[in-house]
Amino acid sequence: MKLETFTERVITIVQQIPSGKVMTYGQIAGLAGSPRGARQVVRILHSMSKKYNLPWHRVINARGEIGLKDEESVFYQKMTLENEGIKFIDGTSINLEIYQYVPLSY
């Protein structure tokens, strides 16, 4: 039996986020087995989203905000989430009680 690496678990979890829902970096890290690994999730998304066609736009920070700094990327992420039906509270914040995806199990 092959054990999955943290990176493989993160990729699998991100691939399962449904349209119109979001998960946080920390939530993904915890489900993948490293509760303090939110920054690793950021790194994985940055380096592997294209290769694995990951819906990286569905991952936000723990405050329900877009965590990117680059204006163009923020615009793209917000537009893509809005196209999936997600409504923003004040420009870059999302109500996690409404839109956070909580898988039954991983």
PDB file of N, CA and C in Angstrom:
ATOM      1  N   MET A   1       0.839  -1.181   0.000  1.00  0.00           N
ATOM      2  CA  MET A   1       0.000   0.000   0.000  1.00  0.00           C
ATOM      3  C   MET A   1       0.887   1.248   0.000  1.00  0.00           C
ATOM      4  N   LYS A   2       0.678   2.116  -0.964  1.00  0.00           N
ATOM      5  CA  LYS A   2       1.476   3.339  -1.082  1.00  0.00           C
ATOM      6  C   LYS A   2       0.822   4.463  -0.282  1.00  0.00           C
ATOM      7  N   LEU A   3       1.605   5.095   0.553  1.00  0.00           N
ATOM      8  CA  LEU A   3       1.094   6.236   1.306  1.00  0.00           C
ATOM      9  C   LEU A   3       1.240   7.497   0.470  1.00  0.00           C
ATOM     10  N   GLU A   4       0.199   8.297   0.451  1.00  0.00           N
ATOM     11  CA  GLU A   4       0.245   9.552  -0.289  1.00  0.00           C
ATOM     12  C   GLU A   4       1.097  10.572   0.453  1.00  0.00           C
ATOM     13  N   THR A   5       1.765  11.407  -0.300  1.00  0.00           N
ATOM     14  CA  THR A   5       2.509  12.506   0.313  1.00  0.00           C
ATOM     15  C   THR A   5       1.526  13.633   0.639  1.00  0.00           C
ATOM     16  N   PHE A   6       1.990  14.570   1.438  1.00  0.00           N
ATOM     17  CA  PHE A   6       1.182  15.752   1.760  1.00  0.00           C
ATOM     18  C   PHE A   6       0.766  16.462   0.471  1.00  0.00           C
ATOM     19  N   THR A   7       1.703  16.625  -0.436  1.00  0.00           N
ATOM     20  CA  THR A   7       1.415  17.310  -1.710  1.00  0.00           C
ATOM     21  C   THR A   7       0.327  16.585  -2.487  1.00  0.00           C
ATOM     22  N   GLU A   8       0.403  15.270  -2.570  1.00  0.00           N
ATOM     23  CA  GLU A   8      -0.620  14.497  -3.286  1.00  0.00           C
ATOM     24  C   GLU A   8      -1.987  14.641  -2.623  1.00  0.00           C
ATOM     25  N   ARG A   9      -2.014  14.652  -1.294  1.00  0.00           N
ATOM     26  CA  ARG A   9      -3.290  14.813  -0.588  1.00  0.00           C
ATOM     27  C   ARG A   9      -3.878  16.205  -0.845  1.00  0.00           C
ATOM     28  N   VAL A  10      -3.027  17.228  -0.834  1.00  0.00           N
ATOM     29  CA  VAL A  10      -3.499  18.590  -1.117  1.00  0.00           C
ATOM     30  C   VAL A  10      -4.102  18.663  -2.516  1.00  0.00           C
ATOM     31  N   ILE A  11      -3.418  18.110  -3.489  1.00  0.00           N
ATOM     32  CA  ILE A  11      -3.913  18.125  -4.872  1.00  0.00           C
ATOM     33  C   ILE A  11      -5.278  17.449  -4.955  1.00  0.00           C
ATOM     34  N   THR A  12      -5.416  16.290  -4.330  1.00  0.00           N
ATOM     35  CA  THR A  12      -6.682  15.552  -4.351  1.00  0.00           C
ATOM     36  C   THR A  12      -7.805  16.359  -3.705  1.00  0.00           C
ATOM     37  N   ILE A  13      -7.519  16.972  -2.563  1.00  0.00           N
ATOM     38  CA  ILE A  13      -8.536  17.760  -1.850  1.00  0.00           C
ATOM     39  C   ILE A  13      -8.972  18.947  -2.703  1.00  0.00           C
ATOM     40  N   VAL A  14      -8.026  19.684  -3.250  1.00  0.00           N
ATOM     41  CA  VAL A  14      -8.355  20.869  -4.060  1.00  0.00           C
ATOM     42  C   VAL A  14      -9.171  20.464  -5.290  1.00  0.00           C
ATOM     43  N   GLN A  15      -8.834  19.349  -5.897  1.00  0.00           N
ATOM     44  CA  GLN A  15      -9.581  18.878  -7.078  1.00  0.00           C
ATOM     45  C   GLN A  15     -11.045  18.594  -6.752  1.00  0.00           C
ATOM     46  N   GLN A  16     -11.350  18.317  -5.491  1.00  0.00           N
ATOM     47  CA  GLN A  16     -12.708  17.941  -5.097  1.00  0.00           C
ATOM     48  C   GLN A  16     -13.585  19.116  -4.663  1.00  0.00           C
ATOM     49  N   ILE A  17     -13.027  20.334  -4.617  1.00  0.00           N
ATOM     50  CA  ILE A  17     -13.836  21.486  -4.210  1.00  0.00           C
ATOM     51  C   ILE A  17     -14.854  21.770  -5.317  1.00  0.00           C
ATOM     52  N   PRO A  18     -16.145  21.703  -5.009  1.00  0.00           N
ATOM     53  CA  PRO A  18     -17.143  21.910  -6.064  1.00  0.00           C
ATOM     54  C   PRO A  18     -17.275  23.379  -6.468  1.00  0.00           C
ATOM     55  N   SER A  19     -17.757  23.571  -7.653  1.00  0.00           N
ATOM     56  CA  SER A  19     -18.043  24.918  -8.144  1.00  0.00           C
ATOM     57  C   SER A  19     -18.999  25.615  -7.185  1.00  0.00           C
ATOM     58  N   GLY A  20     -18.742  26.904  -6.916  1.00  0.00           N
ATOM     59  CA  GLY A  20     -19.603  27.664  -6.025  1.00  0.00           C
ATOM     60  C   GLY A  20     -19.265  27.511  -4.555  1.00  0.00           C
ATOM     61  N   LYS A  21     -18.174  26.811  -4.262  1.00  0.00           N
ATOM     62  CA  LYS A  21     -17.727  26.622  -2.881  1.00  0.00           C
ATOM     63  C   LYS A  21     -16.248  26.980  -2.776  1.00  0.00           C
ATOM     64  N   VAL A  22     -15.790  27.241  -1.545  1.00  0.00           N
ATOM     65  CA  VAL A  22     -14.382  27.542  -1.295  1.00  0.00           C
ATOM     66  C   VAL A  22     -13.890  26.745  -0.093  1.00  0.00           C
ATOM     67  N   MET A  23     -12.587  26.619   0.003  1.00  0.00           N
ATOM     68  CA  MET A  23     -11.942  26.068   1.186  1.00  0.00           C
ATOM     69  C   MET A  23     -10.816  27.018   1.555  1.00  0.00           C
ATOM     70  N   THR A  24     -10.365  26.954   2.808  1.00  0.00           N
ATOM     71  CA  THR A  24      -9.252  27.802   3.224  1.00  0.00           C
ATOM     72  C   THR A  24      -7.946  27.008   3.134  1.00  0.00           C
ATOM     73  N   TYR A  25      -6.836  27.761   3.055  1.00  0.00           N
ATOM     74  CA  TYR A  25      -5.518  27.124   3.005  1.00  0.00           C
ATOM     75  C   TYR A  25      -5.318  26.237   4.230  1.00  0.00           C
ATOM     76  N   GLY A  26      -5.662  26.750   5.409  1.00  0.00           N
ATOM     77  CA  GLY A  26      -5.486  25.988   6.644  1.00  0.00           C
ATOM     78  C   GLY A  26      -6.380  24.768   6.724  1.00  0.00           C
ATOM     79  N   GLN A  27      -7.589  24.907   6.234  1.00  0.00           N
ATOM     80  CA  GLN A  27      -8.531  23.781   6.219  1.00  0.00           C
ATOM     81  C   GLN A  27      -7.964  22.645   5.365  1.00  0.00           C
ATOM     82  N   ILE A  28      -7.450  22.992   4.199  1.00  0.00           N
ATOM     83  CA  ILE A  28      -6.863  21.988   3.301  1.00  0.00           C
ATOM     84  C   ILE A  28      -5.645  21.356   3.959  1.00  0.00           C
ATOM     85  N   ALA A  29      -4.792  22.177   4.562  1.00  0.00           N
ATOM     86  CA  ALA A  29      -3.588  21.662   5.219  1.00  0.00           C
ATOM     87  C   ALA A  29      -3.971  20.661   6.315  1.00  0.00           C
ATOM     88  N   GLY A  30      -4.975  21.010   7.118  1.00  0.00           N
ATOM     89  CA  GLY A  30      -5.410  20.119   8.186  1.00  0.00           C
ATOM     90  C   GLY A  30      -5.936  18.794   7.665  1.00  0.00           C
ATOM     91  N   LEU A  31      -6.772  18.859   6.632  1.00  0.00           N
ATOM     92  CA  LEU A  31      -7.313  17.631   6.041  1.00  0.00           C
ATOM     93  C   LEU A  31      -6.215  16.774   5.421  1.00  0.00           C
ATOM     94  N   ALA A  32      -5.176  17.437   4.921  1.00  0.00           N
ATOM     95  CA  ALA A  32      -4.075  16.706   4.281  1.00  0.00           C
ATOM     96  C   ALA A  32      -3.058  16.181   5.294  1.00  0.00           C
ATOM     97  N   GLY A  33      -3.278  16.495   6.592  1.00  0.00           N
ATOM     98  CA  GLY A  33      -2.439  15.921   7.624  1.00  0.00           C
ATOM     99  C   GLY A  33      -1.401  16.846   8.242  1.00  0.00           C
ATOM    100  N   SER A  34      -1.435  18.126   7.896  1.00  0.00           N
ATOM    101  CA  SER A  34      -0.473  19.067   8.468  1.00  0.00           C
ATOM    102  C   SER A  34      -1.199  20.356   8.852  1.00  0.00           C
ATOM    103  N   PRO A  35      -1.836  20.378  10.035  1.00  0.00           N
ATOM    104  CA  PRO A  35      -2.668  21.514  10.437  1.00  0.00           C
ATOM    105  C   PRO A  35      -1.969  22.877  10.377  1.00  0.00           C
ATOM    106  N   ARG A  36      -0.643  22.882  10.483  1.00  0.00           N
ATOM    107  CA  ARG A  36       0.094  24.146  10.425  1.00  0.00           C
ATOM    108  C   ARG A  36       0.730  24.376   9.052  1.00  0.00           C
ATOM    109  N   GLY A  37       0.265  23.659   8.058  1.00  0.00           N
ATOM    110  CA  GLY A  37       0.888  23.705   6.734  1.00  0.00           C
ATOM    111  C   GLY A  37       0.209  24.595   5.703  1.00  0.00           C
ATOM    112  N   ALA A  38      -0.491  25.634   6.151  1.00  0.00           N
ATOM    113  CA  ALA A  38      -1.203  26.498   5.201  1.00  0.00           C
ATOM    114  C   ALA A  38      -0.265  27.101   4.157  1.00  0.00           C
ATOM    115  N   ARG A  39       0.926  27.507   4.585  1.00  0.00           N
ATOM    116  CA  ARG A  39       1.871  28.095   3.621  1.00  0.00           C
ATOM    117  C   ARG A  39       2.354  27.071   2.607  1.00  0.00           C
ATOM    118  N   GLN A  40       2.440  25.820   3.019  1.00  0.00           N
ATOM    119  CA  GLN A  40       2.796  24.761   2.070  1.00  0.00           C
ATOM    120  C   GLN A  40       1.696  24.615   1.015  1.00  0.00           C
ATOM    121  N   VAL A  41       0.448  24.753   1.438  1.00  0.00           N
ATOM    122  CA  VAL A  41      -0.672  24.677   0.494  1.00  0.00           C
ATOM    123  C   VAL A  41      -0.543  25.802  -0.531  1.00  0.00           C
ATOM    124  N   VAL A  42      -0.194  27.000  -0.072  1.00  0.00           N
ATOM    125  CA  VAL A  42       0.017  28.130  -0.985  1.00  0.00           C
ATOM    126  C   VAL A  42       1.085  27.766  -2.010  1.00  0.00           C
ATOM    127  N   ARG A  43       2.198  27.226  -1.537  1.00  0.00           N
ATOM    128  CA  ARG A  43       3.314  26.851  -2.424  1.00  0.00           C
ATOM    129  C   ARG A  43       2.883  25.796  -3.440  1.00  0.00           C
ATOM    130  N   ILE A  44       2.145  24.798  -2.979  1.00  0.00           N
ATOM    131  CA  ILE A  44       1.679  23.729  -3.870  1.00  0.00           C
ATOM    132  C   ILE A  44       0.751  24.298  -4.949  1.00  0.00           C
ATOM    133  N   LEU A  45      -0.179  25.155  -4.531  1.00  0.00           N
ATOM    134  CA  LEU A  45      -1.089  25.756  -5.506  1.00  0.00           C
ATOM    135  C   LEU A  45      -0.324  26.600  -6.522  1.00  0.00           C
ATOM    136  N   HIS A  46       0.648  27.359  -6.040  1.00  0.00           N
ATOM    137  CA  HIS A  46       1.422  28.217  -6.926  1.00  0.00           C
ATOM    138  C   HIS A  46       2.215  27.402  -7.946  1.00  0.00           C
ATOM    139  N   SER A  47       2.791  26.297  -7.500  1.00  0.00           N
ATOM    140  CA  SER A  47       3.678  25.544  -8.386  1.00  0.00           C
ATOM    141  C   SER A  47       2.992  24.441  -9.190  1.00  0.00           C
ATOM    142  N   MET A  48       1.799  24.007  -8.794  1.00  0.00           N
ATOM    143  CA  MET A  48       1.207  22.837  -9.443  1.00  0.00           C
ATOM    144  C   MET A  48      -0.185  23.039 -10.032  1.00  0.00           C
ATOM    145  N   SER A  49      -0.751  24.230  -9.911  1.00  0.00           N
ATOM    146  CA  SER A  49      -2.120  24.448 -10.400  1.00  0.00           C
ATOM    147  C   SER A  49      -2.256  24.201 -11.893  1.00  0.00           C
ATOM    148  N   LYS A  50      -1.299  24.676 -12.670  1.00  0.00           N
ATOM    149  CA  LYS A  50      -1.386  24.472 -14.131  1.00  0.00           C
ATOM    150  C   LYS A  50      -1.221  23.000 -14.492  1.00  0.00           C
ATOM    151  N   LYS A  51      -0.210  22.365 -13.916  1.00  0.00           N
ATOM    152  CA  LYS A  51       0.091  20.966 -14.234  1.00  0.00           C
ATOM    153  C   LYS A  51      -1.101  20.046 -13.957  1.00  0.00           C
ATOM    154  N   TYR A  52      -1.800  20.295 -12.837  1.00  0.00           N
ATOM    155  CA  TYR A  52      -2.907  19.426 -12.433  1.00  0.00           C
ATOM    156  C   TYR A  52      -4.276  20.062 -12.684  1.00  0.00           C
ATOM    157  N   ASN A  53      -4.291  21.201 -13.352  1.00  0.00           N
ATOM    158  CA  ASN A  53      -5.538  21.913 -13.653  1.00  0.00           C
ATOM    159  C   ASN A  53      -6.390  22.097 -12.393  1.00  0.00           C
ATOM    160  N   LEU A  54      -5.756  22.599 -11.350  1.00  0.00           N
ATOM    161  CA  LEU A  54      -6.428  22.753 -10.061  1.00  0.00           C
ATOM    162  C   LEU A  54      -7.312  23.997 -10.040  1.00  0.00           C
ATOM    163  N   PRO A  55      -8.469  23.913  -9.403  1.00  0.00           N
ATOM    164  CA  PRO A  55      -9.325  25.088  -9.246  1.00  0.00           C
ATOM    165  C   PRO A  55      -8.806  25.960  -8.097  1.00  0.00           C
ATOM    166  N   TRP A  56      -7.609  26.491  -8.253  1.00  0.00           N
ATOM    167  CA  TRP A  56      -6.938  27.265  -7.201  1.00  0.00           C
ATOM    168  C   TRP A  56      -7.759  28.470  -6.752  1.00  0.00           C
ATOM    169  N   HIS A  57      -8.608  28.955  -7.642  1.00  0.00           N
ATOM    170  CA  HIS A  57      -9.411  30.136  -7.316  1.00  0.00           C
ATOM    171  C   HIS A  57     -10.417  29.855  -6.199  1.00  0.00           C
ATOM    172  N   ARG A  58     -10.656  28.599  -5.886  1.00  0.00           N
ATOM    173  CA  ARG A  58     -11.601  28.231  -4.827  1.00  0.00           C
ATOM    174  C   ARG A  58     -10.934  28.121  -3.456  1.00  0.00           C
ATOM    175  N   VAL A  59      -9.688  28.553  -3.354  1.00  0.00           N
ATOM    176  CA  VAL A  59      -8.970  28.496  -2.084  1.00  0.00           C
ATOM    177  C   VAL A  59      -8.690  29.927  -1.629  1.00  0.00           C
ATOM    178  N   ILE A  60      -9.119  30.229  -0.389  1.00  0.00           N
ATOM    179  CA  ILE A  60      -8.989  31.579   0.155  1.00  0.00           C
ATOM    180  C   ILE A  60      -8.410  31.501   1.566  1.00  0.00           C
ATOM    181  N   ASN A  61      -8.202  32.647   2.191  1.00  0.00           N
ATOM    182  CA  ASN A  61      -7.618  32.613   3.534  1.00  0.00           C
ATOM    183  C   ASN A  61      -8.688  32.399   4.606  1.00  0.00           C
ATOM    184  N   ALA A  62      -8.242  32.239   5.839  1.00  0.00           N
ATOM    185  CA  ALA A  62      -9.133  31.888   6.950  1.00  0.00           C
ATOM    186  C   ALA A  62     -10.135  32.990   7.295  1.00  0.00           C
ATOM    187  N   ARG A  63      -9.873  34.203   6.859  1.00  0.00           N
ATOM    188  CA  ARG A  63     -10.808  35.307   7.099  1.00  0.00           C
ATOM    189  C   ARG A  63     -11.862  35.399   5.986  1.00  0.00           C
ATOM    190  N   GLY A  64     -11.801  34.482   5.035  1.00  0.00           N
ATOM    191  CA  GLY A  64     -12.756  34.509   3.933  1.00  0.00           C
ATOM    192  C   GLY A  64     -12.374  35.511   2.863  1.00  0.00           C
ATOM    193  N   GLU A  65     -11.102  35.841   2.803  1.00  0.00           N
ATOM    194  CA  GLU A  65     -10.630  36.852   1.856  1.00  0.00           C
ATOM    195  C   GLU A  65      -9.719  36.246   0.804  1.00  0.00           C
ATOM    196  N   ILE A  66      -9.683  36.896  -0.340  1.00  0.00           N
ATOM    197  CA  ILE A  66      -8.702  36.541  -1.357  1.00  0.00           C
ATOM    198  C   ILE A  66      -7.340  36.920  -0.795  1.00  0.00           C
ATOM    199  N   GLY A  67      -6.430  35.985  -0.786  1.00  0.00           N
ATOM    200  CA  GLY A  67      -5.140  36.221  -0.159  1.00  0.00           C
ATOM    201  C   GLY A  67      -4.052  36.724  -1.090  1.00  0.00           C
ATOM    202  N   LEU A  68      -4.363  36.858  -2.352  1.00  0.00           N
ATOM    203  CA  LEU A  68      -3.360  37.286  -3.321  1.00  0.00           C
ATOM    204  C   LEU A  68      -3.102  38.783  -3.225  1.00  0.00           C
ATOM    205  N   LYS A  69      -1.917  39.186  -3.636  1.00  0.00           N
ATOM    206  CA  LYS A  69      -1.561  40.606  -3.621  1.00  0.00           C
ATOM    207  C   LYS A  69      -1.593  41.207  -5.031  1.00  0.00           C
ATOM    208  N   ASP A  70      -1.301  40.401  -6.025  1.00  0.00           N
ATOM    209  CA  ASP A  70      -1.249  40.856  -7.409  1.00  0.00           C
ATOM    210  C   ASP A  70      -2.649  41.243  -7.886  1.00  0.00           C
ATOM    211  N   GLU A  71      -2.800  42.486  -8.300  1.00  0.00           N
ATOM    212  CA  GLU A  71      -4.112  43.027  -8.665  1.00  0.00           C
ATOM    213  C   GLU A  71      -4.808  42.206  -9.763  1.00  0.00           C
ATOM    214  N   GLU A  72      -4.061  41.806 -10.755  1.00  0.00           N
ATOM    215  CA  GLU A  72      -4.633  41.043 -11.862  1.00  0.00           C
ATOM    216  C   GLU A  72      -5.142  39.676 -11.388  1.00  0.00           C
ATOM    217  N   SER A  73      -4.366  39.022 -10.537  1.00  0.00           N
ATOM    218  CA  SER A  73      -4.773  37.715 -10.002  1.00  0.00           C
ATOM    219  C   SER A  73      -5.990  37.839  -9.093  1.00  0.00           C
ATOM    220  N   VAL A  74      -6.027  38.890  -8.283  1.00  0.00           N
ATOM    221  CA  VAL A  74      -7.188  39.140  -7.414  1.00  0.00           C
ATOM    222  C   VAL A  74      -8.436  39.320  -8.270  1.00  0.00           C
ATOM    223  N   PHE A  75      -8.332  40.124  -9.327  1.00  0.00           N
ATOM    224  CA  PHE A  75      -9.462  40.357 -10.223  1.00  0.00           C
ATOM    225  C   PHE A  75      -9.931  39.048 -10.857  1.00  0.00           C
ATOM    226  N   TYR A  76      -8.978  38.232 -11.339  1.00  0.00           N
ATOM    227  CA  TYR A  76      -9.324  36.960 -11.976  1.00  0.00           C
ATOM    228  C   TYR A  76     -10.010  36.028 -10.976  1.00  0.00           C
ATOM    229  N   GLN A  77      -9.452  35.920  -9.763  1.00  0.00           N
ATOM    230  CA  GLN A  77     -10.036  35.023  -8.763  1.00  0.00           C
ATOM    231  C   GLN A  77     -11.445  35.473  -8.392  1.00  0.00           C
ATOM    232  N   LYS A  78     -11.616  36.747  -8.157  1.00  0.00           N
ATOM    233  CA  LYS A  78     -12.933  37.268  -7.783  1.00  0.00           C
ATOM    234  C   LYS A  78     -13.952  37.055  -8.895  1.00  0.00           C
ATOM    235  N   MET A  79     -13.564  37.371 -10.128  1.00  0.00           N
ATOM    236  CA  MET A  79     -14.460  37.217 -11.267  1.00  0.00           C
ATOM    237  C   MET A  79     -14.863  35.750 -11.451  1.00  0.00           C
ATOM    238  N   THR A  80     -13.892  34.855 -11.318  1.00  0.00           N
ATOM    239  CA  THR A  80     -14.165  33.427 -11.486  1.00  0.00           C
ATOM    240  C   THR A  80     -15.112  32.914 -10.401  1.00  0.00           C
ATOM    241  N   LEU A  81     -14.894  33.329  -9.158  1.00  0.00           N
ATOM    242  CA  LEU A  81     -15.777  32.912  -8.073  1.00  0.00           C
ATOM    243  C   LEU A  81     -17.183  33.490  -8.255  1.00  0.00           C
ATOM    244  N   GLU A  82     -17.273  34.746  -8.665  1.00  0.00           N
ATOM    245  CA  GLU A  82     -18.586  35.352  -8.915  1.00  0.00           C
ATOM    246  C   GLU A  82     -19.319  34.617 -10.036  1.00  0.00           C
ATOM    247  N   ASN A  83     -18.589  34.182 -11.049  1.00  0.00           N
ATOM    248  CA  ASN A  83     -19.201  33.416 -12.145  1.00  0.00           C
ATOM    249  C   ASN A  83     -19.733  32.070 -11.671  1.00  0.00           C
ATOM    250  N   GLU A  84     -19.219  31.583 -10.534  1.00  0.00           N
ATOM    251  CA  GLU A  84     -19.696  30.329  -9.943  1.00  0.00           C
ATOM    252  C   GLU A  84     -20.824  30.581  -8.936  1.00  0.00           C
ATOM    253  N   GLY A  85     -21.235  31.852  -8.791  1.00  0.00           N
ATOM    254  CA  GLY A  85     -22.363  32.174  -7.924  1.00  0.00           C
ATOM    255  C   GLY A  85     -22.003  32.673  -6.538  1.00  0.00           C
ATOM    256  N   ILE A  86     -20.722  32.858  -6.270  1.00  0.00           N
ATOM    257  CA  ILE A  86     -20.302  33.326  -4.956  1.00  0.00           C
ATOM    258  C   ILE A  86     -20.437  34.841  -4.892  1.00  0.00           C
ATOM    259  N   LYS A  87     -21.058  35.316  -3.824  1.00  0.00           N
ATOM    260  CA  LYS A  87     -21.259  36.752  -3.620  1.00  0.00           C
ATOM    261  C   LYS A  87     -20.232  37.260  -2.608  1.00  0.00           C
ATOM    262  N   PHE A  88     -19.627  38.402  -2.934  1.00  0.00           N
ATOM    263  CA  PHE A  88     -18.633  39.017  -2.052  1.00  0.00           C
ATOM    264  C   PHE A  88     -19.303  40.040  -1.147  1.00  0.00           C
ATOM    265  N   ILE A  89     -18.817  40.123   0.085  1.00  0.00           N
ATOM    266  CA  ILE A  89     -19.391  41.028   1.080  1.00  0.00           C
ATOM    267  C   ILE A  89     -18.908  42.452   0.850  1.00  0.00           C
ATOM    268  N   ASP A  90     -17.606  42.637   0.752  1.00  0.00           N
ATOM    269  CA  ASP A  90     -17.073  44.000   0.696  1.00  0.00           C
ATOM    270  C   ASP A  90     -15.977  44.172  -0.351  1.00  0.00           C
ATOM    271  N   GLY A  91     -16.042  43.431  -1.378  1.00  0.00           N
ATOM    272  CA  GLY A  91     -15.011  43.540  -2.406  1.00  0.00           C
ATOM    273  C   GLY A  91     -14.167  42.294  -2.523  1.00  0.00           C
ATOM    274  N   THR A  92     -13.565  41.854  -1.415  1.00  0.00           N
ATOM    275  CA  THR A  92     -12.721  40.658  -1.486  1.00  0.00           C
ATOM    276  C   THR A  92     -13.023  39.646  -0.390  1.00  0.00           C
ATOM    277  N   SER A  93     -14.115  39.817   0.352  1.00  0.00           N
ATOM    278  CA  SER A  93     -14.460  38.876   1.426  1.00  0.00           C
ATOM    279  C   SER A  93     -15.686  38.044   1.073  1.00  0.00           C
ATOM    280  N   ILE A  94     -15.660  36.804   1.548  1.00  0.00           N
ATOM    281  CA  ILE A  94     -16.733  35.843   1.306  1.00  0.00           C
ATOM    282  C   ILE A  94     -17.249  35.363   2.661  1.00  0.00           C
ATOM    283  N   ASN A  95     -18.538  35.141   2.788  1.00  0.00           N
ATOM    284  CA  ASN A  95     -19.112  34.590   4.008  1.00  0.00           C
ATOM    285  C   ASN A  95     -18.838  33.081   4.014  1.00  0.00           C
ATOM    286  N   LEU A  96     -17.903  32.676   4.868  1.00  0.00           N
ATOM    287  CA  LEU A  96     -17.535  31.259   4.914  1.00  0.00           C
ATOM    288  C   LEU A  96     -18.672  30.374   5.404  1.00  0.00           C
ATOM    289  N   GLU A  97     -19.570  30.910   6.223  1.00  0.00           N
ATOM    290  CA  GLU A  97     -20.701  30.102   6.696  1.00  0.00           C
ATOM    291  C   GLU A  97     -21.587  29.659   5.537  1.00  0.00           C
ATOM    292  N   ILE A  98     -21.609  30.446   4.487  1.00  0.00           N
ATOM    293  CA  ILE A  98     -22.433  30.118   3.320  1.00  0.00           C
ATOM    294  C   ILE A  98     -21.656  29.306   2.288  1.00  0.00           C
ATOM    295  N   TYR A  99     -20.426  29.715   2.006  1.00  0.00           N
ATOM    296  CA  TYR A  99     -19.709  29.178   0.845  1.00  0.00           C
ATOM    297  C   TYR A  99     -18.597  28.182   1.142  1.00  0.00           C
ATOM    298  N   GLN A 100     -18.249  27.972   2.411  1.00  0.00           N
ATOM    299  CA  GLN A 100     -17.151  27.053   2.703  1.00  0.00           C
ATOM    300  C   GLN A 100     -17.580  25.609   2.481  1.00  0.00           C
ATOM    301  N   TYR A 101     -16.753  24.890   1.744  1.00  0.00           N
ATOM    302  CA  TYR A 101     -16.978  23.475   1.480  1.00  0.00           C
ATOM    303  C   TYR A 101     -16.337  22.659   2.597  1.00  0.00           C
ATOM    304  N   VAL A 102     -17.122  21.791   3.199  1.00  0.00           N
ATOM    305  CA  VAL A 102     -16.628  20.904   4.236  1.00  0.00           C
ATOM    306  C   VAL A 102     -16.903  19.468   3.781  1.00  0.00           C
ATOM    307  N   PRO A 103     -15.875  18.801   3.262  1.00  0.00           N
ATOM    308  CA  PRO A 103     -16.090  17.424   2.808  1.00  0.00           C
ATOM    309  C   PRO A 103     -16.456  16.520   3.978  1.00  0.00           C
ATOM    310  N   LEU A 104     -17.306  15.544   3.722  1.00  0.00           N
ATOM    311  CA  LEU A 104     -17.709  14.610   4.774  1.00  0.00           C
ATOM    312  C   LEU A 104     -16.515  13.810   5.279  1.00  0.00           C
ATOM    313  N   SER A 105     -15.627  13.468   4.370  1.00  0.00           N
ATOM    314  CA  SER A 105     -14.420  12.763   4.758  1.00  0.00           C
ATOM    315  C   SER A 105     -13.410  12.923   3.646  1.00  0.00           C
ATOM    316  N   TYR A 106     -12.179  12.635   3.998  1.00  0.00           N
ATOM    317  CA  TYR A 106     -11.145  12.609   2.966  1.00  0.00           C
ATOM    318  C   TYR A 106     -10.417  11.313   3.106  1.00  0.00           C
TER     319      TYR A 106
END
